[in-house]
Amino acid sequence: MIGLFGGTFDPVHFGHLRAALDCQQALGLSEVRLLPLSFAVHRPQPVASPALRLAMLHAAVDGEPVLRVDDRELRRGGPSYTAETLAAIRAELGPDPSLCLLVGADAFNGFLDWHRPLDILADAHLVIMQRPGAPLAREPALRGLVRERRVEAVDALRAVPAGRILFQTVTQLDIASTRIRRMIATG
């Protein structure tokens, strides 16, 4: 199984890396690909340039063999739609490997507003990275999707290449890119 973790990474920090490694270890992922987005669709645009964000990611994963940087969204340019990225990865790897899209619980709460959310589930499992005590899906339609597709065991993800939802507890670190940028701006 391969993990896929997208984001602005503006800047990348230990919270991102710890969550990725928590999922890699808990799920037995062969690798986790970090995918920096090109153009944000549901949030403000990154402050750092694509080249700088990419360089920061490479520096952050240097020496960590299971974390890899995948720059396909930066090379593609334009809006970064997860459905398009997953379709490209699925076309590259074929129909059989299990792909696990690692998504923070906050982002997952807006999942049904994403571009072609059911296409995303056709190409990958969703692994919801949840901090201890964080609330689950809030809106009724999302709760229904979770009821239909939720699994409790990692083996259920291995059994099929896509389409299931697993909630995975990750280490909570009180780190945020927004706060890092604010601290840099104030010296």
N, C-alpha and C. Protein backbone atom coordinates (compact mmCIF):
# COMPACT_ATOMS: atom_id res chain seq x y z
N MET A 1 0.85 -1.18 0.00
CA MET A 1 0.00 0.00 0.00
C MET A 1 0.88 1.23 0.00
N ILE A 2 0.41 2.24 -0.70
CA ILE A 2 1.12 3.50 -0.83
C ILE A 2 0.27 4.61 -0.22
N GLY A 3 0.90 5.45 0.60
CA GLY A 3 0.22 6.60 1.17
C GLY A 3 0.48 7.83 0.32
N LEU A 4 -0.52 8.69 0.22
CA LEU A 4 -0.44 9.94 -0.54
C LEU A 4 -0.91 11.06 0.38
N PHE A 5 -0.07 12.07 0.55
CA PHE A 5 -0.35 13.14 1.50
C PHE A 5 -0.10 14.46 0.81
N GLY A 6 -1.18 15.16 0.45
CA GLY A 6 -1.07 16.43 -0.24
C GLY A 6 -1.21 17.60 0.70
N GLY A 7 -0.70 18.75 0.27
CA GLY A 7 -0.85 19.95 1.08
C GLY A 7 -0.06 21.11 0.51
N THR A 8 -0.19 22.26 1.15
CA THR A 8 0.60 23.41 0.71
C THR A 8 2.04 23.25 1.16
N PHE A 9 2.24 22.67 2.35
CA PHE A 9 3.57 22.54 2.94
C PHE A 9 4.28 23.89 2.92
N ASP A 10 3.60 24.88 3.51
CA ASP A 10 4.04 26.27 3.43
C ASP A 10 4.23 26.87 4.82
N PRO A 11 5.22 26.49 5.59
CA PRO A 11 6.26 25.50 5.28
C PRO A 11 5.90 24.12 5.81
N VAL A 12 6.62 23.12 5.33
CA VAL A 12 6.51 21.78 5.89
C VAL A 12 7.06 21.84 7.32
N HIS A 13 6.49 21.03 8.23
CA HIS A 13 6.95 21.02 9.61
C HIS A 13 6.80 19.63 10.22
N PHE A 14 7.27 19.49 11.46
CA PHE A 14 7.25 18.18 12.11
C PHE A 14 5.84 17.61 12.26
N GLY A 15 4.82 18.46 12.34
CA GLY A 15 3.44 17.97 12.42
C GLY A 15 3.08 17.17 11.17
N HIS A 16 3.45 17.69 10.00
CA HIS A 16 3.21 16.95 8.75
C HIS A 16 3.97 15.63 8.75
N LEU A 17 5.25 15.72 9.07
CA LEU A 17 6.12 14.54 8.98
C LEU A 17 5.73 13.48 10.00
N ARG A 18 5.40 13.90 11.22
CA ARG A 18 5.01 12.94 12.26
C ARG A 18 3.73 12.22 11.86
N ALA A 19 2.74 12.96 11.34
CA ALA A 19 1.48 12.34 10.92
C ALA A 19 1.72 11.35 9.78
N ALA A 20 2.56 11.72 8.83
CA ALA A 20 2.87 10.82 7.70
C ALA A 20 3.54 9.55 8.21
N LEU A 21 4.50 9.70 9.13
CA LEU A 21 5.19 8.53 9.67
C LEU A 21 4.29 7.69 10.57
N ASP A 22 3.41 8.34 11.33
CA ASP A 22 2.43 7.58 12.14
C ASP A 22 1.60 6.68 11.23
N CYS A 23 1.10 7.23 10.13
CA CYS A 23 0.28 6.44 9.21
C CYS A 23 1.11 5.36 8.52
N GLN A 24 2.31 5.70 8.11
CA GLN A 24 3.17 4.71 7.45
C GLN A 24 3.39 3.52 8.36
N GLN A 25 3.68 3.78 9.63
CA GLN A 25 3.96 2.70 10.57
C GLN A 25 2.70 1.92 10.93
N ALA A 26 1.61 2.60 11.21
CA ALA A 26 0.37 1.93 11.62
C ALA A 26 -0.24 1.09 10.50
N LEU A 27 -0.13 1.56 9.27
CA LEU A 27 -0.76 0.88 8.14
C LEU A 27 0.20 -0.02 7.38
N GLY A 28 1.47 0.06 7.70
CA GLY A 28 2.46 -0.74 6.96
C GLY A 28 2.60 -0.28 5.52
N LEU A 29 2.54 1.04 5.30
CA LEU A 29 2.66 1.58 3.94
C LEU A 29 4.09 1.40 3.45
N SER A 30 4.24 1.03 2.18
CA SER A 30 5.59 0.87 1.62
C SER A 30 6.28 2.22 1.46
N GLU A 31 5.49 3.27 1.27
CA GLU A 31 6.01 4.63 1.14
C GLU A 31 4.87 5.61 1.35
N VAL A 32 5.23 6.85 1.66
CA VAL A 32 4.27 7.94 1.70
C VAL A 32 4.82 9.02 0.78
N ARG A 33 4.01 9.38 -0.21
CA ARG A 33 4.39 10.44 -1.15
C ARG A 33 3.78 11.75 -0.68
N LEU A 34 4.63 12.74 -0.51
CA LEU A 34 4.19 14.08 -0.15
C LEU A 34 4.01 14.87 -1.44
N LEU A 35 2.80 15.37 -1.65
CA LEU A 35 2.44 16.04 -2.90
C LEU A 35 2.14 17.52 -2.65
N PRO A 36 3.10 18.40 -2.88
CA PRO A 36 2.81 19.83 -2.71
C PRO A 36 1.87 20.32 -3.81
N LEU A 37 0.83 21.05 -3.41
CA LEU A 37 -0.13 21.52 -4.41
C LEU A 37 0.42 22.71 -5.18
N SER A 38 -0.15 22.89 -6.34
CA SER A 38 0.25 24.01 -7.19
C SER A 38 -0.59 25.24 -6.86
N PHE A 39 -1.89 25.12 -7.05
CA PHE A 39 -2.82 26.24 -6.86
C PHE A 39 -3.94 25.75 -5.96
N ALA A 40 -4.04 26.31 -4.76
CA ALA A 40 -5.05 25.89 -3.79
C ALA A 40 -6.45 26.24 -4.27
N VAL A 41 -7.37 25.31 -4.08
CA VAL A 41 -8.75 25.51 -4.50
C VAL A 41 -9.63 25.91 -3.31
N HIS A 42 -9.38 25.32 -2.13
CA HIS A 42 -10.26 25.54 -0.97
C HIS A 42 -9.61 26.33 0.16
N ARG A 43 -8.50 26.99 -0.11
CA ARG A 43 -7.81 27.73 0.95
C ARG A 43 -6.98 28.83 0.31
N PRO A 44 -6.44 29.75 1.12
CA PRO A 44 -5.58 30.80 0.54
C PRO A 44 -4.36 30.19 -0.15
N GLN A 45 -3.83 30.92 -1.11
CA GLN A 45 -2.67 30.45 -1.86
C GLN A 45 -1.43 30.42 -0.96
N PRO A 46 -0.50 29.50 -1.23
CA PRO A 46 0.74 29.46 -0.45
C PRO A 46 1.50 30.79 -0.56
N VAL A 47 2.23 31.13 0.50
CA VAL A 47 3.05 32.33 0.52
C VAL A 47 4.38 32.05 -0.18
N ALA A 48 5.00 30.93 0.16
CA ALA A 48 6.29 30.57 -0.44
C ALA A 48 6.10 30.13 -1.88
N SER A 49 7.10 30.36 -2.70
CA SER A 49 7.04 29.95 -4.11
C SER A 49 7.02 28.43 -4.22
N PRO A 50 6.53 27.91 -5.34
CA PRO A 50 6.58 26.45 -5.54
C PRO A 50 7.99 25.89 -5.41
N ALA A 51 8.99 26.59 -5.96
CA ALA A 51 10.37 26.10 -5.89
C ALA A 51 10.86 26.03 -4.45
N LEU A 52 10.52 27.02 -3.64
CA LEU A 52 10.95 27.02 -2.24
C LEU A 52 10.23 25.93 -1.44
N ARG A 53 8.93 25.78 -1.65
CA ARG A 53 8.19 24.72 -0.94
C ARG A 53 8.74 23.35 -1.31
N LEU A 54 9.07 23.16 -2.59
CA LEU A 54 9.64 21.89 -3.04
C LEU A 54 11.01 21.66 -2.39
N ALA A 55 11.83 22.68 -2.35
CA ALA A 55 13.16 22.56 -1.72
C ALA A 55 13.03 22.24 -0.23
N MET A 56 12.07 22.89 0.45
CA MET A 56 11.86 22.61 1.88
C MET A 56 11.43 21.16 2.09
N LEU A 57 10.56 20.67 1.22
CA LEU A 57 10.11 19.28 1.34
C LEU A 57 11.27 18.30 1.14
N HIS A 58 12.07 18.54 0.12
CA HIS A 58 13.23 17.66 -0.12
C HIS A 58 14.17 17.66 1.08
N ALA A 59 14.42 18.83 1.64
CA ALA A 59 15.30 18.91 2.81
C ALA A 59 14.68 18.19 4.00
N ALA A 60 13.36 18.30 4.16
CA ALA A 60 12.68 17.70 5.31
C ALA A 60 12.69 16.17 5.27
N VAL A 61 12.63 15.59 4.08
CA VAL A 61 12.55 14.12 3.98
C VAL A 61 13.91 13.47 3.71
N ASP A 62 14.93 14.28 3.56
CA ASP A 62 16.26 13.75 3.30
C ASP A 62 16.65 12.77 4.42
N GLY A 63 17.02 11.56 4.05
CA GLY A 63 17.42 10.56 5.02
C GLY A 63 16.26 9.74 5.58
N GLU A 64 15.04 10.01 5.18
CA GLU A 64 13.88 9.24 5.63
C GLU A 64 13.37 8.43 4.44
N PRO A 65 13.77 7.16 4.32
CA PRO A 65 13.53 6.40 3.08
C PRO A 65 12.06 6.15 2.73
N VAL A 66 11.15 6.19 3.70
CA VAL A 66 9.75 5.90 3.36
C VAL A 66 8.98 7.14 2.94
N LEU A 67 9.56 8.33 3.14
CA LEU A 67 8.90 9.57 2.71
C LEU A 67 9.53 10.03 1.41
N ARG A 68 8.67 10.27 0.41
CA ARG A 68 9.15 10.70 -0.90
C ARG A 68 8.38 11.95 -1.33
N VAL A 69 9.04 12.79 -2.07
CA VAL A 69 8.39 13.99 -2.61
C VAL A 69 7.93 13.69 -4.03
N ASP A 70 6.67 13.98 -4.32
CA ASP A 70 6.10 13.80 -5.66
C ASP A 70 5.64 15.18 -6.12
N ASP A 71 6.31 15.74 -7.11
CA ASP A 71 6.03 17.12 -7.53
C ASP A 71 5.08 17.24 -8.72
N ARG A 72 4.31 16.19 -8.99
CA ARG A 72 3.46 16.19 -10.19
C ARG A 72 2.47 17.35 -10.24
N GLU A 73 1.92 17.78 -9.10
CA GLU A 73 0.97 18.89 -9.13
C GLU A 73 1.67 20.20 -9.48
N LEU A 74 2.89 20.38 -8.99
CA LEU A 74 3.64 21.58 -9.33
C LEU A 74 3.99 21.59 -10.82
N ARG A 75 4.37 20.43 -11.35
CA ARG A 75 4.72 20.35 -12.78
C ARG A 75 3.49 20.55 -13.65
N ARG A 76 2.35 20.05 -13.20
CA ARG A 76 1.12 20.18 -13.98
C ARG A 76 0.63 21.62 -13.97
N GLY A 77 0.79 22.32 -12.85
CA GLY A 77 0.30 23.69 -12.74
C GLY A 77 -1.21 23.75 -12.68
N GLY A 78 -1.73 24.93 -12.58
CA GLY A 78 -3.18 25.12 -12.50
C GLY A 78 -3.74 24.64 -11.17
N PRO A 79 -5.08 24.63 -11.04
CA PRO A 79 -5.71 24.20 -9.80
C PRO A 79 -5.31 22.76 -9.46
N SER A 80 -5.09 22.52 -8.18
CA SER A 80 -4.72 21.18 -7.73
C SER A 80 -5.97 20.45 -7.28
N TYR A 81 -6.45 19.58 -8.14
CA TYR A 81 -7.62 18.77 -7.82
C TYR A 81 -7.16 17.36 -7.49
N THR A 82 -7.49 16.91 -6.29
CA THR A 82 -7.08 15.58 -5.84
C THR A 82 -7.55 14.50 -6.79
N ALA A 83 -8.77 14.63 -7.32
CA ALA A 83 -9.30 13.61 -8.23
C ALA A 83 -8.40 13.45 -9.46
N GLU A 84 -7.90 14.55 -10.00
CA GLU A 84 -7.03 14.48 -11.17
C GLU A 84 -5.67 13.87 -10.82
N THR A 85 -5.15 14.23 -9.66
CA THR A 85 -3.86 13.69 -9.22
C THR A 85 -3.97 12.19 -9.00
N LEU A 86 -5.02 11.76 -8.34
CA LEU A 86 -5.20 10.33 -8.09
C LEU A 86 -5.41 9.56 -9.39
N ALA A 87 -6.15 10.13 -10.32
CA ALA A 87 -6.34 9.46 -11.61
C ALA A 87 -5.00 9.26 -12.32
N ALA A 88 -4.12 10.27 -12.24
CA ALA A 88 -2.80 10.16 -12.87
C ALA A 88 -1.95 9.09 -12.18
N ILE A 89 -2.00 9.06 -10.86
CA ILE A 89 -1.23 8.06 -10.12
C ILE A 89 -1.78 6.67 -10.39
N ARG A 90 -3.09 6.54 -10.43
CA ARG A 90 -3.72 5.24 -10.72
C ARG A 90 -3.35 4.77 -12.12
N ALA A 91 -3.34 5.68 -13.08
CA ALA A 91 -2.96 5.32 -14.46
C ALA A 91 -1.50 4.85 -14.51
N GLU A 92 -0.66 5.47 -13.71
CA GLU A 92 0.76 5.13 -13.66
C GLU A 92 1.00 3.77 -12.99
N LEU A 93 0.28 3.49 -11.89
CA LEU A 93 0.53 2.29 -11.10
C LEU A 93 -0.36 1.11 -11.47
N GLY A 94 -1.45 1.38 -12.19
CA GLY A 94 -2.37 0.31 -12.56
C GLY A 94 -3.48 0.16 -11.55
N PRO A 95 -4.40 -0.77 -11.79
CA PRO A 95 -5.61 -0.88 -10.97
C PRO A 95 -5.43 -1.61 -9.64
N ASP A 96 -4.34 -2.32 -9.45
CA ASP A 96 -4.25 -3.23 -8.30
C ASP A 96 -3.73 -2.66 -6.99
N PRO A 97 -2.72 -1.81 -6.97
CA PRO A 97 -2.19 -1.38 -5.67
C PRO A 97 -3.22 -0.61 -4.85
N SER A 98 -3.22 -0.84 -3.56
CA SER A 98 -4.07 -0.05 -2.66
C SER A 98 -3.40 1.29 -2.44
N LEU A 99 -4.15 2.35 -2.72
CA LEU A 99 -3.67 3.71 -2.49
C LEU A 99 -4.45 4.30 -1.32
N CYS A 100 -3.73 4.95 -0.41
CA CYS A 100 -4.34 5.53 0.78
C CYS A 100 -4.10 7.02 0.79
N LEU A 101 -5.15 7.79 0.59
CA LEU A 101 -5.05 9.24 0.64
C LEU A 101 -5.14 9.66 2.10
N LEU A 102 -4.08 10.24 2.62
CA LEU A 102 -4.03 10.68 4.01
C LEU A 102 -4.59 12.09 4.11
N VAL A 103 -5.66 12.24 4.88
CA VAL A 103 -6.39 13.50 4.95
C VAL A 103 -6.60 13.87 6.42
N GLY A 104 -6.34 15.12 6.76
CA GLY A 104 -6.63 15.59 8.11
C GLY A 104 -8.12 15.62 8.37
N ALA A 105 -8.52 15.42 9.63
CA ALA A 105 -9.93 15.38 9.99
C ALA A 105 -10.64 16.68 9.63
N ASP A 106 -9.98 17.83 9.81
CA ASP A 106 -10.62 19.10 9.47
C ASP A 106 -10.91 19.18 7.98
N ALA A 107 -9.95 18.79 7.14
CA ALA A 107 -10.16 18.80 5.69
C ALA A 107 -11.25 17.81 5.29
N PHE A 108 -11.28 16.66 5.97
CA PHE A 108 -12.28 15.65 5.64
C PHE A 108 -13.70 16.15 5.88
N ASN A 109 -13.88 17.03 6.86
CA ASN A 109 -15.23 17.54 7.12
C ASN A 109 -15.80 18.30 5.92
N GLY A 110 -14.95 18.77 5.01
CA GLY A 110 -15.43 19.42 3.78
C GLY A 110 -15.31 18.53 2.56
N PHE A 111 -15.07 17.25 2.74
CA PHE A 111 -14.77 16.34 1.62
C PHE A 111 -15.83 16.36 0.53
N LEU A 112 -17.10 16.41 0.87
CA LEU A 112 -18.15 16.36 -0.16
C LEU A 112 -18.19 17.62 -1.02
N ASP A 113 -17.49 18.67 -0.59
CA ASP A 113 -17.37 19.89 -1.40
C ASP A 113 -16.16 19.86 -2.33
N TRP A 114 -15.33 18.83 -2.21
CA TRP A 114 -14.16 18.71 -3.08
C TRP A 114 -14.60 18.42 -4.51
N HIS A 115 -13.73 18.66 -5.45
CA HIS A 115 -13.96 18.36 -6.86
C HIS A 115 -14.05 16.83 -7.04
N ARG A 116 -15.19 16.33 -7.48
CA ARG A 116 -15.43 14.90 -7.78
C ARG A 116 -15.03 13.97 -6.62
N PRO A 117 -15.64 14.14 -5.46
CA PRO A 117 -15.25 13.33 -4.30
C PRO A 117 -15.44 11.83 -4.50
N LEU A 118 -16.46 11.42 -5.21
CA LEU A 118 -16.66 9.97 -5.41
C LEU A 118 -15.61 9.39 -6.36
N ASP A 119 -15.10 10.21 -7.28
CA ASP A 119 -13.98 9.75 -8.11
C ASP A 119 -12.72 9.54 -7.27
N ILE A 120 -12.57 10.37 -6.26
CA ILE A 120 -11.43 10.20 -5.34
C ILE A 120 -11.53 8.83 -4.68
N LEU A 121 -12.71 8.49 -4.19
CA LEU A 121 -12.90 7.18 -3.54
C LEU A 121 -12.81 6.02 -4.52
N ALA A 122 -13.03 6.28 -5.80
CA ALA A 122 -12.87 5.22 -6.79
C ALA A 122 -11.40 4.88 -7.01
N ASP A 123 -10.51 5.84 -6.72
CA ASP A 123 -9.08 5.63 -6.96
C ASP A 123 -8.27 5.38 -5.70
N ALA A 124 -8.82 5.70 -4.52
CA ALA A 124 -8.03 5.56 -3.29
C ALA A 124 -8.94 5.34 -2.09
N HIS A 125 -8.35 4.78 -1.05
CA HIS A 125 -8.98 4.77 0.27
C HIS A 125 -8.75 6.13 0.90
N LEU A 126 -9.60 6.51 1.83
CA LEU A 126 -9.35 7.71 2.63
C LEU A 126 -8.90 7.26 4.01
N VAL A 127 -7.77 7.74 4.43
CA VAL A 127 -7.29 7.52 5.79
C VAL A 127 -7.36 8.87 6.47
N ILE A 128 -8.29 8.98 7.41
CA ILE A 128 -8.53 10.25 8.08
C ILE A 128 -7.61 10.33 9.30
N MET A 129 -6.65 11.23 9.23
CA MET A 129 -5.70 11.41 10.32
C MET A 129 -6.38 12.25 11.39
N GLN A 130 -6.63 11.60 12.50
CA GLN A 130 -7.44 12.20 13.55
C GLN A 130 -6.61 12.39 14.82
N ARG A 131 -6.67 13.59 15.34
CA ARG A 131 -6.04 13.84 16.63
C ARG A 131 -6.96 13.27 17.71
N PRO A 132 -6.39 12.82 18.82
CA PRO A 132 -7.22 12.28 19.90
C PRO A 132 -8.30 13.26 20.32
N GLY A 133 -9.54 12.78 20.37
CA GLY A 133 -10.66 13.61 20.80
C GLY A 133 -11.27 14.50 19.75
N ALA A 134 -10.73 14.51 18.53
CA ALA A 134 -11.28 15.37 17.47
C ALA A 134 -12.63 14.81 17.02
N PRO A 135 -13.58 15.68 16.69
CA PRO A 135 -14.90 15.20 16.26
C PRO A 135 -14.84 14.53 14.88
N LEU A 136 -15.72 13.55 14.68
CA LEU A 136 -15.82 12.89 13.38
C LEU A 136 -16.69 13.73 12.46
N ALA A 137 -16.99 13.17 11.30
CA ALA A 137 -17.79 13.86 10.28
C ALA A 137 -19.02 14.53 10.90
N ARG A 138 -19.23 15.79 10.54
CA ARG A 138 -20.31 16.57 11.15
C ARG A 138 -21.60 16.56 10.35
N GLU A 139 -21.51 16.70 9.04
CA GLU A 139 -22.75 16.85 8.27
C GLU A 139 -23.37 15.49 7.95
N PRO A 140 -24.70 15.43 7.86
CA PRO A 140 -25.39 14.15 7.67
C PRO A 140 -24.94 13.36 6.44
N ALA A 141 -24.75 14.03 5.30
CA ALA A 141 -24.35 13.31 4.09
C ALA A 141 -22.97 12.67 4.26
N LEU A 142 -22.08 13.37 4.92
CA LEU A 142 -20.74 12.83 5.16
C LEU A 142 -20.80 11.68 6.16
N ARG A 143 -21.61 11.82 7.19
CA ARG A 143 -21.78 10.72 8.15
C ARG A 143 -22.32 9.48 7.44
N GLY A 144 -23.23 9.67 6.47
CA GLY A 144 -23.76 8.55 5.70
C GLY A 144 -22.67 7.87 4.88
N LEU A 145 -21.82 8.65 4.25
CA LEU A 145 -20.71 8.09 3.48
C LEU A 145 -19.78 7.29 4.40
N VAL A 146 -19.52 7.81 5.57
CA VAL A 146 -18.67 7.10 6.52
C VAL A 146 -19.33 5.78 6.93
N ARG A 147 -20.63 5.80 7.21
CA ARG A 147 -21.35 4.56 7.58
C ARG A 147 -21.22 3.50 6.49
N GLU A 148 -21.31 3.92 5.24
CA GLU A 148 -21.24 2.97 4.11
C GLU A 148 -19.85 2.39 3.90
N ARG A 149 -18.81 3.18 4.15
CA ARG A 149 -17.47 2.80 3.71
C ARG A 149 -16.43 2.62 4.82
N ARG A 150 -16.81 2.89 6.04
CA ARG A 150 -15.84 2.82 7.14
C ARG A 150 -15.41 1.39 7.43
N VAL A 151 -14.12 1.24 7.65
CA VAL A 151 -13.55 -0.04 8.09
C VAL A 151 -12.73 0.25 9.35
N GLU A 152 -12.52 -0.80 10.13
CA GLU A 152 -11.77 -0.65 11.37
C GLU A 152 -10.37 -1.25 11.29
N ALA A 153 -10.15 -2.15 10.32
CA ALA A 153 -8.89 -2.88 10.27
C ALA A 153 -8.11 -2.54 9.00
N VAL A 154 -6.80 -2.50 9.15
CA VAL A 154 -5.90 -2.22 8.02
C VAL A 154 -6.05 -3.28 6.94
N ASP A 155 -6.28 -4.52 7.31
CA ASP A 155 -6.42 -5.59 6.31
C ASP A 155 -7.56 -5.32 5.33
N ALA A 156 -8.58 -4.59 5.78
CA ALA A 156 -9.69 -4.25 4.89
C ALA A 156 -9.22 -3.30 3.79
N LEU A 157 -8.20 -2.50 4.06
CA LEU A 157 -7.65 -1.62 3.03
C LEU A 157 -6.82 -2.42 2.03
N ARG A 158 -6.14 -3.43 2.52
CA ARG A 158 -5.30 -4.26 1.65
C ARG A 158 -6.15 -5.13 0.71
N ALA A 159 -7.37 -5.42 1.11
CA ALA A 159 -8.22 -6.36 0.36
C ALA A 159 -8.70 -5.80 -0.97
N VAL A 160 -8.82 -4.48 -1.08
CA VAL A 160 -9.28 -3.83 -2.31
C VAL A 160 -8.41 -2.60 -2.55
N PRO A 161 -8.32 -2.13 -3.78
CA PRO A 161 -7.42 -1.01 -4.07
C PRO A 161 -7.93 0.37 -3.65
N ALA A 162 -9.23 0.52 -3.40
CA ALA A 162 -9.78 1.85 -3.14
C ALA A 162 -11.18 1.74 -2.55
N GLY A 163 -11.69 2.90 -2.07
CA GLY A 163 -13.10 3.00 -1.74
C GLY A 163 -13.48 2.93 -0.28
N ARG A 164 -12.54 2.66 0.60
CA ARG A 164 -12.86 2.52 2.02
C ARG A 164 -12.36 3.72 2.81
N ILE A 165 -12.90 3.87 4.01
CA ILE A 165 -12.52 4.97 4.89
C ILE A 165 -12.08 4.38 6.22
N LEU A 166 -10.89 4.80 6.66
CA LEU A 166 -10.33 4.36 7.93
C LEU A 166 -9.93 5.59 8.73
N PHE A 167 -10.29 5.62 10.00
CA PHE A 167 -9.86 6.70 10.88
C PHE A 167 -8.61 6.24 11.61
N GLN A 168 -7.55 7.03 11.52
CA GLN A 168 -6.27 6.69 12.13
C GLN A 168 -5.84 7.79 13.09
N THR A 169 -5.66 7.42 14.34
CA THR A 169 -5.17 8.38 15.33
C THR A 169 -3.70 8.68 15.05
N VAL A 170 -3.35 9.95 15.06
CA VAL A 170 -1.96 10.37 14.85
C VAL A 170 -1.53 11.23 16.03
N THR A 171 -0.24 11.33 16.21
CA THR A 171 0.32 12.13 17.28
C THR A 171 -0.06 13.59 17.11
N GLN A 172 -0.53 14.19 18.17
CA GLN A 172 -0.90 15.60 18.11
C GLN A 172 0.29 16.45 18.48
N LEU A 173 0.73 17.27 17.54
CA LEU A 173 1.80 18.23 17.80
C LEU A 173 1.22 19.62 17.61
N ASP A 174 1.48 20.51 18.53
CA ASP A 174 0.93 21.86 18.47
C ASP A 174 1.79 22.73 17.56
N ILE A 175 1.74 22.40 16.26
CA ILE A 175 2.52 23.12 15.25
C ILE A 175 1.59 23.44 14.09
N ALA A 176 1.69 24.65 13.57
CA ALA A 176 0.88 25.03 12.40
C ALA A 176 1.71 25.92 11.49
N SER A 177 1.59 25.68 10.20
CA SER A 177 2.32 26.49 9.22
C SER A 177 1.97 27.96 9.35
N THR A 178 0.70 28.27 9.61
CA THR A 178 0.27 29.65 9.75
C THR A 178 1.03 30.33 10.88
N ARG A 179 1.15 29.64 12.00
CA ARG A 179 1.86 30.21 13.14
C ARG A 179 3.35 30.38 12.84
N ILE A 180 3.94 29.43 12.13
CA ILE A 180 5.35 29.54 11.75
C ILE A 180 5.56 30.77 10.88
N ARG A 181 4.69 30.97 9.87
CA ARG A 181 4.82 32.14 9.00
C ARG A 181 4.67 33.44 9.79
N ARG A 182 3.73 33.47 10.74
CA ARG A 182 3.52 34.68 11.57
C ARG A 182 4.76 34.96 12.43
N MET A 183 5.35 33.93 13.00
CA MET A 183 6.56 34.12 13.83
C MET A 183 7.72 34.64 12.98
N ILE A 184 7.86 34.13 11.76
CA ILE A 184 8.92 34.61 10.88
C ILE A 184 8.69 36.09 10.53
N ALA A 185 7.44 36.43 10.25
CA ALA A 185 7.12 37.81 9.87
C ALA A 185 7.41 38.80 11.00
N THR A 186 7.28 38.34 12.24
CA THR A 186 7.52 39.25 13.38
C THR A 186 8.95 39.17 13.88
N GLY A 187 9.79 38.38 13.19
CA GLY A 187 11.20 38.32 13.53
C GLY A 187 11.48 37.34 14.65
